[in-house]
Amino acid sequence: MRDIQKVLERWGSWAAAEGSQLDWSPVAAGFKGLLPSEGKSRLSCCDSDGMIVDSAIARLNKVGRMDEVELIMLHYMWNVSKSAIARKKKCSEGKIRNQLMIAETFIDACIIMSDAELEMDRWV
């Protein structure tokens, strides 16, 4: 069983370093001051795994869930905490957690349905 949060953490590191194919701006509007400095190195995934996860996130965008895509990008790619996102969006952290859970489940389902085997499945 795959831990989608760990998969997304590794994807986020890969996407921040290598550049996601999603063509998103590097900083979401209004969140520039929240981004941490790039001091720590994070575990990353290989290019093929990154592309698979990228395509699943692109599907999330394609079905019109832009808010969830933004949360995925902020939390996993730019490492912004859920509480910081909630403060900036002026909503509860529980709402952010629920939206992230919906997005994570959708992305996991897309990967499962595509029958893709991730190299990082052995570790996560």
PDB file of N, CA and C in Angstrom:
ATOM      1  N   MET A   1       0.850  -1.179   0.000  1.00  0.00           N
ATOM      2  CA  MET A   1       0.000   0.000   0.000  1.00  0.00           C
ATOM      3  C   MET A   1       0.896   1.243   0.000  1.00  0.00           C
ATOM      4  N   ARG A   2       0.594   2.141  -0.874  1.00  0.00           N
ATOM      5  CA  ARG A   2       1.400   3.342  -1.069  1.00  0.00           C
ATOM      6  C   ARG A   2       0.955   4.451  -0.109  1.00  0.00           C
ATOM      7  N   ASP A   3       1.914   5.173   0.460  1.00  0.00           N
ATOM      8  CA  ASP A   3       1.630   6.344   1.294  1.00  0.00           C
ATOM      9  C   ASP A   3       1.697   7.565   0.377  1.00  0.00           C
ATOM     10  N   ILE A   4       0.534   8.041  -0.060  1.00  0.00           N
ATOM     11  CA  ILE A   4       0.486   9.109  -1.059  1.00  0.00           C
ATOM     12  C   ILE A   4       1.107  10.398  -0.533  1.00  0.00           C
ATOM     13  N   GLN A   5       1.061  10.634   0.761  1.00  0.00           N
ATOM     14  CA  GLN A   5       1.677  11.849   1.298  1.00  0.00           C
ATOM     15  C   GLN A   5       3.194  11.822   1.128  1.00  0.00           C
ATOM     16  N   LYS A   6       3.802  10.668   1.354  1.00  0.00           N
ATOM     17  CA  LYS A   6       5.254  10.547   1.147  1.00  0.00           C
ATOM     18  C   LYS A   6       5.593  10.649  -0.342  1.00  0.00           C
ATOM     19  N   VAL A   7       4.743  10.073  -1.180  1.00  0.00           N
ATOM     20  CA  VAL A   7       4.940  10.189  -2.632  1.00  0.00           C
ATOM     21  C   VAL A   7       4.906  11.655  -3.029  1.00  0.00           C
ATOM     22  N   LEU A   8       3.915  12.398  -2.530  1.00  0.00           N
ATOM     23  CA  LEU A   8       3.793  13.812  -2.878  1.00  0.00           C
ATOM     24  C   LEU A   8       4.930  14.650  -2.294  1.00  0.00           C
ATOM     25  N   GLU A   9       5.440  14.271  -1.114  1.00  0.00           N
ATOM     26  CA  GLU A   9       6.599  14.982  -0.559  1.00  0.00           C
ATOM     27  C   GLU A   9       7.802  14.838  -1.480  1.00  0.00           C
ATOM     28  N   ARG A  10       8.047  13.620  -1.957  1.00  0.00           N
ATOM     29  CA  ARG A  10       9.177  13.392  -2.868  1.00  0.00           C
ATOM     30  C   ARG A  10       8.935  14.083  -4.210  1.00  0.00           C
ATOM     31  N   TRP A  11       7.690  14.024  -4.693  1.00  0.00           N
ATOM     32  CA  TRP A  11       7.366  14.719  -5.940  1.00  0.00           C
ATOM     33  C   TRP A  11       7.604  16.218  -5.773  1.00  0.00           C
ATOM     34  N   GLY A  12       7.181  16.781  -4.628  1.00  0.00           N
ATOM     35  CA  GLY A  12       7.348  18.214  -4.384  1.00  0.00           C
ATOM     36  C   GLY A  12       8.798  18.639  -4.420  1.00  0.00           C
ATOM     37  N   SER A  13       9.657  17.818  -3.853  1.00  0.00           N
ATOM     38  CA  SER A  13      11.089  18.109  -3.892  1.00  0.00           C
ATOM     39  C   SER A  13      11.606  18.051  -5.327  1.00  0.00           C
ATOM     40  N   TRP A  14      11.179  17.028  -6.055  1.00  0.00           N
ATOM     41  CA  TRP A  14      11.576  16.878  -7.463  1.00  0.00           C
ATOM     42  C   TRP A  14      11.077  18.059  -8.293  1.00  0.00           C
ATOM     43  N   ALA A  15       9.801  18.418  -8.105  1.00  0.00           N
ATOM     44  CA  ALA A  15       9.205  19.491  -8.898  1.00  0.00           C
ATOM     45  C   ALA A  15       9.840  20.844  -8.590  1.00  0.00           C
ATOM     46  N   ALA A  16      10.184  21.081  -7.326  1.00  0.00           N
ATOM     47  CA  ALA A  16      10.819  22.349  -6.958  1.00  0.00           C
ATOM     48  C   ALA A  16      12.224  22.446  -7.557  1.00  0.00           C
ATOM     49  N   ALA A  17      12.931  21.320  -7.599  1.00  0.00           N
ATOM     50  CA  ALA A  17      14.308  21.322  -8.110  1.00  0.00           C
ATOM     51  C   ALA A  17      14.352  21.217  -9.635  1.00  0.00           C
ATOM     52  N   GLU A  18      13.563  20.320 -10.201  1.00  0.00           N
ATOM     53  CA  GLU A  18      13.623  20.032 -11.632  1.00  0.00           C
ATOM     54  C   GLU A  18      12.628  20.828 -12.450  1.00  0.00           C
ATOM     55  N   GLY A  19      11.590  21.305 -11.809  1.00  0.00           N
ATOM     56  CA  GLY A  19      10.557  22.039 -12.525  1.00  0.00           C
ATOM     57  C   GLY A  19       9.425  21.120 -12.935  1.00  0.00           C
ATOM     58  N   SER A  20       8.289  21.387 -12.405  1.00  0.00           N
ATOM     59  CA  SER A  20       7.098  20.611 -12.728  1.00  0.00           C
ATOM     60  C   SER A  20       6.673  20.899 -14.152  1.00  0.00           C
ATOM     61  N   GLN A  21       6.055  19.940 -14.796  1.00  0.00           N
ATOM     62  CA  GLN A  21       5.545  20.126 -16.154  1.00  0.00           C
ATOM     63  C   GLN A  21       4.190  20.825 -16.157  1.00  0.00           C
ATOM     64  N   LEU A  22       3.704  21.182 -14.986  1.00  0.00           N
ATOM     65  CA  LEU A  22       2.377  21.780 -14.877  1.00  0.00           C
ATOM     66  C   LEU A  22       2.361  23.235 -15.299  1.00  0.00           C
ATOM     67  N   ASP A  23       3.520  23.849 -15.443  1.00  0.00           N
ATOM     68  CA  ASP A  23       3.632  25.233 -15.886  1.00  0.00           C
ATOM     69  C   ASP A  23       2.929  26.202 -14.937  1.00  0.00           C
ATOM     70  N   TRP A  24       3.106  25.983 -13.638  1.00  0.00           N
ATOM     71  CA  TRP A  24       2.551  26.886 -12.646  1.00  0.00           C
ATOM     72  C   TRP A  24       3.583  27.938 -12.309  1.00  0.00           C
ATOM     73  N   SER A  25       3.115  29.099 -11.884  1.00  0.00           N
ATOM     74  CA  SER A  25       4.069  30.117 -11.464  1.00  0.00           C
ATOM     75  C   SER A  25       4.762  29.627 -10.191  1.00  0.00           C
ATOM     76  N   PRO A  26       6.012  30.010  -9.996  1.00  0.00           N
ATOM     77  CA  PRO A  26       6.755  29.511  -8.842  1.00  0.00           C
ATOM     78  C   PRO A  26       6.183  29.946  -7.503  1.00  0.00           C
ATOM     79  N   VAL A  27       5.407  31.031  -7.463  1.00  0.00           N
ATOM     80  CA  VAL A  27       4.827  31.490  -6.212  1.00  0.00           C
ATOM     81  C   VAL A  27       3.359  31.828  -6.459  1.00  0.00           C
ATOM     82  N   ALA A  28       2.491  31.206  -5.702  1.00  0.00           N
ATOM     83  CA  ALA A  28       1.064  31.504  -5.818  1.00  0.00           C
ATOM     84  C   ALA A  28       0.814  32.925  -5.314  1.00  0.00           C
ATOM     85  N   ALA A  29      -0.164  33.565  -5.870  1.00  0.00           N
ATOM     86  CA  ALA A  29      -0.473  34.944  -5.514  1.00  0.00           C
ATOM     87  C   ALA A  29      -0.709  35.077  -4.018  1.00  0.00           C
ATOM     88  N   GLY A  30      -0.010  36.017  -3.398  1.00  0.00           N
ATOM     89  CA  GLY A  30      -0.202  36.292  -1.992  1.00  0.00           C
ATOM     90  C   GLY A  30       0.598  35.427  -1.032  1.00  0.00           C
ATOM     91  N   PHE A  31       1.350  34.460  -1.535  1.00  0.00           N
ATOM     92  CA  PHE A  31       2.074  33.546  -0.649  1.00  0.00           C
ATOM     93  C   PHE A  31       3.585  33.756  -0.688  1.00  0.00           C
ATOM     94  N   LYS A  32       4.060  34.793  -1.353  1.00  0.00           N
ATOM     95  CA  LYS A  32       5.490  34.985  -1.516  1.00  0.00           C
ATOM     96  C   LYS A  32       6.255  35.035  -0.193  1.00  0.00           C
ATOM     97  N   GLY A  33       5.746  35.717   0.800  1.00  0.00           N
ATOM     98  CA  GLY A  33       6.434  35.840   2.082  1.00  0.00           C
ATOM     99  C   GLY A  33       6.425  34.574   2.918  1.00  0.00           C
ATOM    100  N   LEU A  34       5.578  33.604   2.561  1.00  0.00           N
ATOM    101  CA  LEU A  34       5.465  32.387   3.353  1.00  0.00           C
ATOM    102  C   LEU A  34       6.461  31.308   2.960  1.00  0.00           C
ATOM    103  N   LEU A  35       7.062  31.421   1.793  1.00  0.00           N
ATOM    104  CA  LEU A  35       7.940  30.362   1.304  1.00  0.00           C
ATOM    105  C   LEU A  35       9.236  30.317   2.096  1.00  0.00           C
ATOM    106  N   PRO A  36       9.592  29.130   2.589  1.00  0.00           N
ATOM    107  CA  PRO A  36      10.835  29.002   3.348  1.00  0.00           C
ATOM    108  C   PRO A  36      12.049  29.081   2.430  1.00  0.00           C
ATOM    109  N   SER A  37      13.191  29.379   3.019  1.00  0.00           N
ATOM    110  CA  SER A  37      14.410  29.403   2.220  1.00  0.00           C
ATOM    111  C   SER A  37      14.784  27.979   1.821  1.00  0.00           C
ATOM    112  N   GLU A  38      15.524  27.860   0.754  1.00  0.00           N
ATOM    113  CA  GLU A  38      15.886  26.552   0.206  1.00  0.00           C
ATOM    114  C   GLU A  38      17.140  25.993   0.868  1.00  0.00           C
ATOM    115  N   GLY A  39      17.206  26.026   2.179  1.00  0.00           N
ATOM    116  CA  GLY A  39      18.390  25.570   2.886  1.00  0.00           C
ATOM    117  C   GLY A  39      18.511  24.060   2.998  1.00  0.00           C
ATOM    118  N   LYS A  40      17.440  23.387   3.382  1.00  0.00           N
ATOM    119  CA  LYS A  40      17.486  21.947   3.627  1.00  0.00           C
ATOM    120  C   LYS A  40      17.262  21.166   2.345  1.00  0.00           C
ATOM    121  N   SER A  41      17.957  20.058   2.248  1.00  0.00           N
ATOM    122  CA  SER A  41      17.728  19.189   1.109  1.00  0.00           C
ATOM    123  C   SER A  41      16.632  18.194   1.474  1.00  0.00           C
ATOM    124  N   ARG A  42      15.762  17.893   0.519  1.00  0.00           N
ATOM    125  CA  ARG A  42      14.644  16.986   0.758  1.00  0.00           C
ATOM    126  C   ARG A  42      14.808  15.764  -0.130  1.00  0.00           C
ATOM    127  N   LEU A  43      14.216  14.657   0.311  1.00  0.00           N
ATOM    128  CA  LEU A  43      14.212  13.457  -0.521  1.00  0.00           C
ATOM    129  C   LEU A  43      13.414  13.729  -1.778  1.00  0.00           C
ATOM    130  N   SER A  44      13.901  13.207  -2.889  1.00  0.00           N
ATOM    131  CA  SER A  44      13.269  13.452  -4.175  1.00  0.00           C
ATOM    132  C   SER A  44      12.918  12.129  -4.833  1.00  0.00           C
ATOM    133  N   CYS A  45      12.227  12.214  -5.947  1.00  0.00           N
ATOM    134  CA  CYS A  45      11.894  11.014  -6.718  1.00  0.00           C
ATOM    135  C   CYS A  45      12.623  11.083  -8.058  1.00  0.00           C
ATOM    136  N   CYS A  46      12.587   9.990  -8.792  1.00  0.00           N
ATOM    137  CA  CYS A  46      13.219   9.971 -10.109  1.00  0.00           C
ATOM    138  C   CYS A  46      12.316  10.701 -11.116  1.00  0.00           C
ATOM    139  N   ASP A  47      12.853  10.990 -12.283  1.00  0.00           N
ATOM    140  CA  ASP A  47      12.106  11.725 -13.297  1.00  0.00           C
ATOM    141  C   ASP A  47      10.843  10.995 -13.747  1.00  0.00           C
ATOM    142  N   SER A  48      10.919   9.682 -13.922  1.00  0.00           N
ATOM    143  CA  SER A  48       9.732   8.960 -14.393  1.00  0.00           C
ATOM    144  C   SER A  48       8.615   9.002 -13.351  1.00  0.00           C
ATOM    145  N   ASP A  49       8.960   8.854 -12.067  1.00  0.00           N
ATOM    146  CA  ASP A  49       7.947   8.966 -11.016  1.00  0.00           C
ATOM    147  C   ASP A  49       7.381  10.385 -10.971  1.00  0.00           C
ATOM    148  N   GLY A  50       8.251  11.371 -11.096  1.00  0.00           N
ATOM    149  CA  GLY A  50       7.807  12.766 -11.087  1.00  0.00           C
ATOM    150  C   GLY A  50       6.822  13.062 -12.197  1.00  0.00           C
ATOM    151  N   MET A  51       7.080  12.520 -13.368  1.00  0.00           N
ATOM    152  CA  MET A  51       6.183  12.740 -14.510  1.00  0.00           C
ATOM    153  C   MET A  51       4.828  12.054 -14.295  1.00  0.00           C
ATOM    154  N   ILE A  52       4.841  10.878 -13.687  1.00  0.00           N
ATOM    155  CA  ILE A  52       3.586  10.159 -13.407  1.00  0.00           C
ATOM    156  C   ILE A  52       2.738  10.960 -12.430  1.00  0.00           C
ATOM    157  N   VAL A  53       3.353  11.444 -11.362  1.00  0.00           N
ATOM    158  CA  VAL A  53       2.620  12.230 -10.363  1.00  0.00           C
ATOM    159  C   VAL A  53       2.172  13.551 -10.982  1.00  0.00           C
ATOM    160  N   ASP A  54       3.028  14.178 -11.781  1.00  0.00           N
ATOM    161  CA  ASP A  54       2.669  15.410 -12.484  1.00  0.00           C
ATOM    162  C   ASP A  54       1.407  15.217 -13.318  1.00  0.00           C
ATOM    163  N   SER A  55       1.336  14.107 -14.034  1.00  0.00           N
ATOM    164  CA  SER A  55       0.171  13.882 -14.897  1.00  0.00           C
ATOM    165  C   SER A  55      -1.093  13.681 -14.060  1.00  0.00           C
ATOM    166  N   ALA A  56      -0.968  13.052 -12.897  1.00  0.00           N
ATOM    167  CA  ALA A  56      -2.130  12.883 -12.014  1.00  0.00           C
ATOM    168  C   ALA A  56      -2.599  14.239 -11.482  1.00  0.00           C
ATOM    169  N   ILE A  57      -1.654  15.113 -11.149  1.00  0.00           N
ATOM    170  CA  ILE A  57      -2.022  16.447 -10.659  1.00  0.00           C
ATOM    171  C   ILE A  57      -2.616  17.271 -11.799  1.00  0.00           C
ATOM    172  N   ALA A  58      -2.123  17.087 -13.004  1.00  0.00           N
ATOM    173  CA  ALA A  58      -2.694  17.774 -14.161  1.00  0.00           C
ATOM    174  C   ALA A  58      -4.147  17.348 -14.382  1.00  0.00           C
ATOM    175  N   ARG A  59      -4.449  16.080 -14.127  1.00  0.00           N
ATOM    176  CA  ARG A  59      -5.840  15.611 -14.234  1.00  0.00           C
ATOM    177  C   ARG A  59      -6.728  16.288 -13.194  1.00  0.00           C
ATOM    178  N   LEU A  60      -6.184  16.490 -12.003  1.00  0.00           N
ATOM    179  CA  LEU A  60      -6.922  17.199 -10.964  1.00  0.00           C
ATOM    180  C   LEU A  60      -7.269  18.607 -11.439  1.00  0.00           C
ATOM    181  N   ASN A  61      -6.330  19.253 -12.087  1.00  0.00           N
ATOM    182  CA  ASN A  61      -6.565  20.577 -12.642  1.00  0.00           C
ATOM    183  C   ASN A  61      -7.591  20.514 -13.774  1.00  0.00           C
ATOM    184  N   LYS A  62      -7.490  19.489 -14.603  1.00  0.00           N
ATOM    185  CA  LYS A  62      -8.378  19.345 -15.765  1.00  0.00           C
ATOM    186  C   LYS A  62      -9.845  19.206 -15.355  1.00  0.00           C
ATOM    187  N   VAL A  63     -10.102  18.579 -14.204  1.00  0.00           N
ATOM    188  CA  VAL A  63     -11.488  18.436 -13.744  1.00  0.00           C
ATOM    189  C   VAL A  63     -11.971  19.671 -12.982  1.00  0.00           C
ATOM    190  N   GLY A  64     -11.155  20.706 -12.952  1.00  0.00           N
ATOM    191  CA  GLY A  64     -11.583  21.981 -12.390  1.00  0.00           C
ATOM    192  C   GLY A  64     -11.359  22.166 -10.903  1.00  0.00           C
ATOM    193  N   ARG A  65     -10.462  21.399 -10.313  1.00  0.00           N
ATOM    194  CA  ARG A  65     -10.185  21.525  -8.881  1.00  0.00           C
ATOM    195  C   ARG A  65      -8.918  22.359  -8.667  1.00  0.00           C
ATOM    196  N   MET A  66      -8.934  23.595  -9.149  1.00  0.00           N
ATOM    197  CA  MET A  66      -7.762  24.460  -9.076  1.00  0.00           C
ATOM    198  C   MET A  66      -7.362  24.796  -7.642  1.00  0.00           C
ATOM    199  N   ASP A  67      -8.351  24.917  -6.751  1.00  0.00           N
ATOM    200  CA  ASP A  67      -8.025  25.214  -5.344  1.00  0.00           C
ATOM    201  C   ASP A  67      -7.196  24.095  -4.738  1.00  0.00           C
ATOM    202  N   GLU A  68      -7.575  22.845  -5.025  1.00  0.00           N
ATOM    203  CA  GLU A  68      -6.839  21.709  -4.498  1.00  0.00           C
ATOM    204  C   GLU A  68      -5.441  21.622  -5.113  1.00  0.00           C
ATOM    205  N   VAL A  69      -5.336  21.940  -6.406  1.00  0.00           N
ATOM    206  CA  VAL A  69      -4.022  21.933  -7.062  1.00  0.00           C
ATOM    207  C   VAL A  69      -3.116  22.975  -6.404  1.00  0.00           C
ATOM    208  N   GLU A  70      -3.671  24.144  -6.126  1.00  0.00           N
ATOM    209  CA  GLU A  70      -2.891  25.191  -5.469  1.00  0.00           C
ATOM    210  C   GLU A  70      -2.407  24.718  -4.098  1.00  0.00           C
ATOM    211  N   LEU A  71      -3.276  24.035  -3.343  1.00  0.00           N
ATOM    212  CA  LEU A  71      -2.878  23.520  -2.029  1.00  0.00           C
ATOM    213  C   LEU A  71      -1.769  22.489  -2.148  1.00  0.00           C
ATOM    214  N   ILE A  72      -1.887  21.588  -3.126  1.00  0.00           N
ATOM    215  CA  ILE A  72      -0.843  20.583  -3.353  1.00  0.00           C
ATOM    216  C   ILE A  72       0.486  21.266  -3.648  1.00  0.00           C
ATOM    217  N   MET A  73       0.447  22.268  -4.518  1.00  0.00           N
ATOM    218  CA  MET A  73       1.678  22.981  -4.886  1.00  0.00           C
ATOM    219  C   MET A  73       2.269  23.701  -3.666  1.00  0.00           C
ATOM    220  N   LEU A  74       1.436  24.412  -2.924  1.00  0.00           N
ATOM    221  CA  LEU A  74       1.943  25.154  -1.769  1.00  0.00           C
ATOM    222  C   LEU A  74       2.503  24.226  -0.701  1.00  0.00           C
ATOM    223  N   HIS A  75       1.740  23.179  -0.373  1.00  0.00           N
ATOM    224  CA  HIS A  75       2.146  22.334   0.744  1.00  0.00           C
ATOM    225  C   HIS A  75       3.291  21.381   0.384  1.00  0.00           C
ATOM    226  N   TYR A  76       3.199  20.716  -0.746  1.00  0.00           N
ATOM    227  CA  TYR A  76       4.201  19.695  -1.065  1.00  0.00           C
ATOM    228  C   TYR A  76       5.379  20.238  -1.878  1.00  0.00           C
ATOM    229  N   MET A  77       5.129  21.160  -2.779  1.00  0.00           N
ATOM    230  CA  MET A  77       6.226  21.671  -3.605  1.00  0.00           C
ATOM    231  C   MET A  77       6.982  22.788  -2.882  1.00  0.00           C
ATOM    232  N   TRP A  78       6.242  23.717  -2.298  1.00  0.00           N
ATOM    233  CA  TRP A  78       6.878  24.867  -1.666  1.00  0.00           C
ATOM    234  C   TRP A  78       6.979  24.730  -0.155  1.00  0.00           C
ATOM    235  N   ASN A  79       6.490  23.614   0.401  1.00  0.00           N
ATOM    236  CA  ASN A  79       6.683  23.295   1.819  1.00  0.00           C
ATOM    237  C   ASN A  79       6.062  24.317   2.771  1.00  0.00           C
ATOM    238  N   VAL A  80       4.907  24.874   2.389  1.00  0.00           N
ATOM    239  CA  VAL A  80       4.179  25.800   3.247  1.00  0.00           C
ATOM    240  C   VAL A  80       3.275  24.967   4.159  1.00  0.00           C
ATOM    241  N   SER A  81       3.285  25.263   5.446  1.00  0.00           N
ATOM    242  CA  SER A  81       2.490  24.469   6.386  1.00  0.00           C
ATOM    243  C   SER A  81       0.991  24.687   6.165  1.00  0.00           C
ATOM    244  N   LYS A  82       0.208  23.712   6.603  1.00  0.00           N
ATOM    245  CA  LYS A  82      -1.248  23.793   6.470  1.00  0.00           C
ATOM    246  C   LYS A  82      -1.793  24.966   7.268  1.00  0.00           C
ATOM    247  N   SER A  83      -1.227  25.203   8.448  1.00  0.00           N
ATOM    248  CA  SER A  83      -1.710  26.315   9.269  1.00  0.00           C
ATOM    249  C   SER A  83      -1.387  27.667   8.623  1.00  0.00           C
ATOM    250  N   ALA A  84      -0.234  27.790   7.997  1.00  0.00           N
ATOM    251  CA  ALA A  84       0.120  29.036   7.312  1.00  0.00           C
ATOM    252  C   ALA A  84      -0.809  29.278   6.117  1.00  0.00           C
ATOM    253  N   ILE A  85      -1.137  28.211   5.393  1.00  0.00           N
ATOM    254  CA  ILE A  85      -2.073  28.339   4.274  1.00  0.00           C
ATOM    255  C   ILE A  85      -3.442  28.775   4.792  1.00  0.00           C
ATOM    256  N   ALA A  86      -3.893  28.161   5.888  1.00  0.00           N
ATOM    257  CA  ALA A  86      -5.204  28.508   6.464  1.00  0.00           C
ATOM    258  C   ALA A  86      -5.239  29.967   6.909  1.00  0.00           C
ATOM    259  N   ARG A  87      -4.169  30.429   7.535  1.00  0.00           N
ATOM    260  CA  ARG A  87      -4.121  31.834   7.961  1.00  0.00           C
ATOM    261  C   ARG A  87      -4.199  32.770   6.768  1.00  0.00           C
ATOM    262  N   LYS A  88      -3.451  32.452   5.713  1.00  0.00           N
ATOM    263  CA  LYS A  88      -3.428  33.315   4.532  1.00  0.00           C
ATOM    264  C   LYS A  88      -4.779  33.321   3.823  1.00  0.00           C
ATOM    265  N   LYS A  89      -5.444  32.172   3.790  1.00  0.00           N
ATOM    266  CA  LYS A  89      -6.749  32.076   3.127  1.00  0.00           C
ATOM    267  C   LYS A  89      -7.905  32.438   4.056  1.00  0.00           C
ATOM    268  N   LYS A  90      -7.585  32.742   5.314  1.00  0.00           N
ATOM    269  CA  LYS A  90      -8.573  33.126   6.321  1.00  0.00           C
ATOM    270  C   LYS A  90      -9.686  32.089   6.452  1.00  0.00           C
ATOM    271  N   CYS A  91      -9.257  30.849   6.666  1.00  0.00           N
ATOM    272  CA  CYS A  91     -10.203  29.756   6.903  1.00  0.00           C
ATOM    273  C   CYS A  91      -9.585  28.819   7.944  1.00  0.00           C
ATOM    274  N   SER A  92     -10.328  27.800   8.314  1.00  0.00           N
ATOM    275  CA  SER A  92      -9.818  26.887   9.338  1.00  0.00           C
ATOM    276  C   SER A  92      -8.793  25.918   8.753  1.00  0.00           C
ATOM    277  N   GLU A  93      -7.912  25.469   9.608  1.00  0.00           N
ATOM    278  CA  GLU A  93      -6.923  24.480   9.184  1.00  0.00           C
ATOM    279  C   GLU A  93      -7.617  23.166   8.822  1.00  0.00           C
ATOM    280  N   GLY A  94      -8.721  22.874   9.480  1.00  0.00           N
ATOM    281  CA  GLY A  94      -9.498  21.670   9.165  1.00  0.00           C
ATOM    282  C   GLY A  94     -10.000  21.676   7.724  1.00  0.00           C
ATOM    283  N   LYS A  95     -10.413  22.837   7.245  1.00  0.00           N
ATOM    284  CA  LYS A  95     -10.875  22.953   5.855  1.00  0.00           C
ATOM    285  C   LYS A  95      -9.718  22.676   4.895  1.00  0.00           C
ATOM    286  N   ILE A  96      -8.552  23.213   5.208  1.00  0.00           N
ATOM    287  CA  ILE A  96      -7.364  22.985   4.372  1.00  0.00           C
ATOM    288  C   ILE A  96      -7.013  21.502   4.377  1.00  0.00           C
ATOM    289  N   ARG A  97      -7.051  20.878   5.551  1.00  0.00           N
ATOM    290  CA  ARG A  97      -6.760  19.441   5.653  1.00  0.00           C
ATOM    291  C   ARG A  97      -7.733  18.616   4.822  1.00  0.00           C
ATOM    292  N   ASN A  98      -9.027  18.966   4.872  1.00  0.00           N
ATOM    293  CA  ASN A  98     -10.031  18.244   4.092  1.00  0.00           C
ATOM    294  C   ASN A  98      -9.793  18.394   2.593  1.00  0.00           C
ATOM    295  N   GLN A  99      -9.503  19.608   2.143  1.00  0.00           N
ATOM    296  CA  GLN A  99      -9.243  19.834   0.721  1.00  0.00           C
ATOM    297  C   GLN A  99      -7.991  19.077   0.270  1.00  0.00           C
ATOM    298  N   LEU A 100      -6.957  19.079   1.115  1.00  0.00           N
ATOM    299  CA  LEU A 100      -5.744  18.337   0.781  1.00  0.00           C
ATOM    300  C   LEU A 100      -6.017  16.836   0.714  1.00  0.00           C
ATOM    301  N   MET A 101      -6.832  16.337   1.636  1.00  0.00           N
ATOM    302  CA  MET A 101      -7.165  14.917   1.640  1.00  0.00           C
ATOM    303  C   MET A 101      -7.921  14.528   0.365  1.00  0.00           C
ATOM    304  N   ILE A 102      -8.837  15.381  -0.087  1.00  0.00           N
ATOM    305  CA  ILE A 102      -9.565  15.125  -1.328  1.00  0.00           C
ATOM    306  C   ILE A 102      -8.586  15.077  -2.501  1.00  0.00           C
ATOM    307  N   ALA A 103      -7.674  16.033  -2.550  1.00  0.00           N
ATOM    308  CA  ALA A 103      -6.700  16.085  -3.639  1.00  0.00           C
ATOM    309  C   ALA A 103      -5.765  14.875  -3.604  1.00  0.00           C
ATOM    310  N   GLU A 104      -5.283  14.521  -2.417  1.00  0.00           N
ATOM    311  CA  GLU A 104      -4.384  13.365  -2.281  1.00  0.00           C
ATOM    312  C   GLU A 104      -5.069  12.083  -2.723  1.00  0.00           C
ATOM    313  N   THR A 105      -6.333  11.921  -2.342  1.00  0.00           N
ATOM    314  CA  THR A 105      -7.086  10.724  -2.726  1.00  0.00           C
ATOM    315  C   THR A 105      -7.286  10.670  -4.233  1.00  0.00           C
ATOM    316  N   PHE A 106      -7.609  11.799  -4.838  1.00  0.00           N
ATOM    317  CA  PHE A 106      -7.784  11.862  -6.286  1.00  0.00           C
ATOM    318  C   PHE A 106      -6.492  11.502  -7.014  1.00  0.00           C
ATOM    319  N   ILE A 107      -5.379  12.068  -6.563  1.00  0.00           N
ATOM    320  CA  ILE A 107      -4.081  11.808  -7.196  1.00  0.00           C
ATOM    321  C   ILE A 107      -3.705  10.338  -7.051  1.00  0.00           C
ATOM    322  N   ASP A 108      -3.910   9.785  -5.864  1.00  0.00           N
ATOM    323  CA  ASP A 108      -3.617   8.370  -5.639  1.00  0.00           C
ATOM    324  C   ASP A 108      -4.473   7.500  -6.556  1.00  0.00           C
ATOM    325  N   ALA A 109      -5.757   7.835  -6.678  1.00  0.00           N
ATOM    326  CA  ALA A 109      -6.650   7.061  -7.546  1.00  0.00           C
ATOM    327  C   ALA A 109      -6.213   7.151  -9.011  1.00  0.00           C
ATOM    328  N   CYS A 110      -5.767   8.312  -9.439  1.00  0.00           N
ATOM    329  CA  CYS A 110      -5.289   8.461 -10.825  1.00  0.00           C
ATOM    330  C   CYS A 110      -4.068   7.582 -11.080  1.00  0.00           C
ATOM    331  N   ILE A 111      -3.162   7.534 -10.129  1.00  0.00           N
ATOM    332  CA  ILE A 111      -1.962   6.705 -10.278  1.00  0.00           C
ATOM    333  C   ILE A 111      -2.353   5.231 -10.306  1.00  0.00           C
ATOM    334  N   ILE A 112      -3.270   4.832  -9.426  1.00  0.00           N
ATOM    335  CA  ILE A 112      -3.728   3.441  -9.388  1.00  0.00           C
ATOM    336  C   ILE A 112      -4.425   3.078 -10.699  1.00  0.00           C
ATOM    337  N   MET A 113      -5.314   3.948 -11.173  1.00  0.00           N
ATOM    338  CA  MET A 113      -6.078   3.657 -12.391  1.00  0.00           C
ATOM    339  C   MET A 113      -5.196   3.613 -13.636  1.00  0.00           C
ATOM    340  N   SER A 114      -4.096   4.355 -13.614  1.00  0.00           N
ATOM    341  CA  SER A 114      -3.197   4.340 -14.771  1.00  0.00           C
ATOM    342  C   SER A 114      -2.324   3.092 -14.787  1.00  0.00           C
ATOM    343  N   ASP A 115      -2.415   2.304 -13.723  1.00  0.00           N
ATOM    344  CA  ASP A 115      -1.638   1.068 -13.602  1.00  0.00           C
ATOM    345  C   ASP A 115      -0.131   1.328 -13.608  1.00  0.00           C
ATOM    346  N   ALA A 116       0.245   2.524 -13.189  1.00  0.00           N
ATOM    347  CA  ALA A 116       1.661   2.897 -13.162  1.00  0.00           C
ATOM    348  C   ALA A 116       2.333   2.311 -11.931  1.00  0.00           C
ATOM    349  N   GLU A 117       3.537   1.848 -12.116  1.00  0.00           N
ATOM    350  CA  GLU A 117       4.361   1.330 -11.022  1.00  0.00           C
ATOM    351  C   GLU A 117       5.417   2.398 -10.730  1.00  0.00           C
ATOM    352  N   LEU A 118       5.408   2.954  -9.531  1.00  0.00           N
ATOM    353  CA  LEU A 118       6.384   3.953  -9.152  1.00  0.00           C
ATOM    354  C   LEU A 118       7.627   3.284  -8.594  1.00  0.00           C
ATOM    355  N   GLU A 119       8.785   3.789  -8.969  1.00  0.00           N
ATOM    356  CA  GLU A 119      10.027   3.255  -8.402  1.00  0.00           C
ATOM    357  C   GLU A 119      10.077   3.442  -6.894  1.00  0.00           C
ATOM    358  N   MET A 120       9.518   4.556  -6.429  1.00  0.00           N
ATOM    359  CA  MET A 120       9.581   4.848  -4.995  1.00  0.00           C
ATOM    360  C   MET A 120       8.593   4.031  -4.175  1.00  0.00           C
ATOM    361  N   ASP A 121       7.766   3.211  -4.809  1.00  0.00           N
ATOM    362  CA  ASP A 121       6.819   2.382  -4.070  1.00  0.00           C
ATOM    363  C   ASP A 121       7.525   1.455  -3.073  1.00  0.00           C
ATOM    364  N   ARG A 122       8.743   1.079  -3.354  1.00  0.00           N
ATOM    365  CA  ARG A 122       9.487   0.223  -2.438  1.00  0.00           C
ATOM    366  C   ARG A 122       9.806   0.915  -1.113  1.00  0.00           C
ATOM    367  N   TRP A 123       9.922   2.260  -1.160  1.00  0.00           N
ATOM    368  CA  TRP A 123      10.315   2.995   0.034  1.00  0.00           C
ATOM    369  C   TRP A 123       9.141   3.669   0.711  1.00  0.00           C
ATOM    370  N   VAL A 124       8.099   3.968  -0.031  1.00  0.00           N
ATOM    371  CA  VAL A 124       6.968   4.697   0.559  1.00  0.00           C
ATOM    372  C   VAL A 124       5.774   3.772   0.611  1.00  0.00           C
TER     373      VAL A 124
END
